[in-house]
Amino acid sequence: MMTLEDAIKRANIILPEHKSEFTSYLQKLPQGIEKWLYGTPDNPNSLYQGDILIDLPVCFVNEAGDVVKGIDYVAMISNACDMQPNRKETVIASPIVRFSEYEKHLRDTAEKGIDNKLMDIRYNKFFNRFYLPSNGDLQESFIDFSKMVTFNSNYANSIYSQKRLLSLSQHGFYFFLIKLTFHFARMEYPYS
């Protein structure tokens, strides 16, 4: 199976001059991630892939087929170009799960290996989870790529300036794309 370092070497989305520095960041995970993961958007008047928005309506269908509705933090999944006003009808986001709530859920359900599971999330070993360290504005959390919600693009573009909590730095964006690619594409080694 391909490692994150292998994916960085092969990724065309990462500028060559950023690959070695980015690889060194990932080798130290989770230490120091809070220093390089978050940043400010190049253009604060645009919505970006990976932006974290607060208090958006979300819904899911549970195992009984019932719709469960709520308000949650989300991370934008759609490509930034697709989120431009009037470009697409809908945009996609994933919910953000607070670490404390997830740990409580695991303990309430008597899950085994809780501490190891939480550590694996912090080390980004699960491809469907993207670890988000606490930074003052956001509690320690993770993006759950296995759950997606759809928003009307006009709605997303009308509220993001009031609802954006955080954006990713350039390295944070690279990491986000690699994790998203791993989750959806399951990159493999080339055959020799």
Foldseek 3Di string as FASTA:
>chain_A
DDDLLNCLVVDPVDDPVCNVVLVVCLVPFPPPCLVAWFDDDPDLLFDAQQWKFFFDKFWDQDPVRDIDIDTAIWGWHDHRVCLPPPNDFKTKIFGKAAPVVVLVVCVVVVPPPSVVVSVCLRSVVDLQWHWDDDDPQDHTIITGNVDMGMDGSVVCSVCCSVTGRTHTHPSNVVVVVSSNCCVPPVDDDDDD
